Amino acid sequence: HVLIHLAVQVSGRPASDVAEELAVFPEVFAAHLVTGKYEISLLLTLHDIDELPSLITDRLSKVPGIRSMTPAIGLDIVRYGLDTAPIDRKRLA
């Protein structure tokens, strides 16, 4: 299995709308609205790295409002702890 970070720049559409649309793809493990050069940060999980080109060019790029996407392949997991600070989206609203 492969973990991919995908930074997404948005143009002409609210980033929150684009993120909601991207979040429904089964390969999307997590979707975040972020500050900085990119408006959206995605974590993708793939069975094989060979799936990445078609996912980006044939499927994700069809979502309106995407200006650019920059993938980064996870080489190693240094820390992964979901139990340290659980986030309840309902409390954030």
Protein backbone atom coordinates (compact mmCIF):
# COMPACT_ATOMS: atom_id res chain seq x y z
CA HIS A 1 0.00 0.00 0.00
CA VAL A 2 1.09 3.54 -0.77
CA LEU A 3 0.41 6.76 1.13
CA ILE A 4 0.34 9.94 -0.99
CA HIS A 5 0.05 13.54 0.15
CA LEU A 6 -1.66 15.67 -2.48
CA ALA A 7 -1.56 19.47 -2.21
CA VAL A 8 -4.34 21.13 -4.23
CA GLN A 9 -4.53 24.73 -5.43
CA VAL A 10 -8.03 26.03 -6.13
CA SER A 11 -9.24 28.75 -8.48
CA GLY A 12 -12.70 30.09 -9.35
CA ARG A 13 -14.57 28.11 -6.74
CA PRO A 14 -14.67 27.97 -2.91
CA ALA A 15 -11.99 25.61 -1.60
CA SER A 16 -14.51 24.10 0.81
CA ASP A 17 -16.72 23.03 -2.11
CA VAL A 18 -13.78 21.48 -3.95
CA ALA A 19 -12.63 19.69 -0.79
CA GLU A 20 -16.10 18.25 -0.18
CA GLU A 21 -16.20 16.92 -3.74
CA LEU A 22 -12.71 15.41 -3.49
CA ALA A 23 -13.46 13.84 -0.10
CA VAL A 24 -15.95 11.39 -1.62
CA PHE A 25 -13.31 9.55 -3.66
CA PRO A 26 -12.63 6.17 -2.03
CA GLU A 27 -8.87 6.71 -2.25
CA VAL A 28 -9.09 9.85 -0.08
CA PHE A 29 -8.15 8.92 3.48
CA ALA A 30 -8.28 12.51 4.77
CA ALA A 31 -9.13 15.94 3.35
CA HIS A 32 -8.15 19.20 5.04
CA LEU A 33 -8.60 22.87 4.27
CA VAL A 34 -5.24 24.51 4.96
CA THR A 35 -3.44 27.85 4.83
CA GLY A 36 -0.50 28.60 2.60
CA LYS A 37 0.21 28.12 -1.09
CA TYR A 38 -2.34 25.31 -1.37
CA GLU A 39 -5.91 25.46 -0.07
CA ILE A 40 -6.50 21.70 0.27
CA SER A 41 -4.35 18.90 1.66
CA LEU A 42 -5.35 15.33 0.86
CA LEU A 43 -4.00 12.01 2.08
CA LEU A 44 -4.56 9.27 -0.46
CA THR A 45 -4.16 5.54 0.04
CA LEU A 46 -3.46 3.39 -3.00
CA HIS A 47 -2.83 -0.32 -3.42
CA ASP A 48 -0.09 0.37 -5.93
CA ILE A 49 1.83 3.46 -7.06
CA ASP A 50 0.82 2.67 -10.64
CA GLU A 51 -2.73 3.81 -9.75
CA LEU A 52 -1.58 7.41 -9.14
CA PRO A 53 -1.35 8.77 -12.71
CA SER A 54 -4.87 7.71 -13.70
CA LEU A 55 -6.33 8.82 -10.36
CA ILE A 56 -4.90 12.32 -10.81
CA THR A 57 -5.33 12.80 -14.57
CA ASP A 58 -8.54 10.85 -15.23
CA ARG A 59 -10.54 11.35 -12.04
CA LEU A 60 -9.43 14.00 -9.56
CA SER A 61 -8.57 16.58 -12.23
CA LYS A 62 -12.19 16.48 -13.44
CA VAL A 63 -13.36 18.22 -10.26
CA PRO A 64 -14.13 21.85 -11.19
CA GLY A 65 -12.03 24.50 -9.48
CA ILE A 66 -8.73 22.63 -9.29
CA ARG A 67 -5.88 24.83 -10.50
CA SER A 68 -2.99 22.47 -9.73
CA MET A 69 -2.11 19.34 -7.77
CA THR A 70 1.27 18.44 -6.31
CA PRO A 71 1.72 14.86 -5.09
CA ALA A 72 4.32 13.68 -2.58
CA ILE A 73 4.89 9.98 -1.92
CA GLY A 74 5.16 8.93 1.71
CA LEU A 75 8.51 7.18 2.17
CA ASP A 76 8.16 6.19 5.82
CA ILE A 77 5.74 6.76 8.68
CA VAL A 78 7.61 8.34 11.58
CA ARG A 79 4.56 8.79 13.79
CA TYR A 80 0.91 7.99 13.32
CA GLY A 81 -1.22 8.49 16.40
CA LEU A 82 -4.94 8.99 16.11
CA ASP A 83 -5.40 8.38 19.83
CA THR A 84 -3.43 11.46 20.97
CA ALA A 85 -5.93 14.22 20.21
CA PRO A 86 -9.25 13.05 18.77
CA ILE A 87 -11.02 15.76 16.81
CA ASP A 88 -14.80 15.90 16.86
CA ARG A 89 -15.98 17.92 13.87
CA LYS A 90 -19.31 18.61 15.63
CA ARG A 91 -17.46 20.46 18.40
CA LEU A 92 -15.70 22.65 15.84
CA ALA A 93 -18.95 23.87 14.31
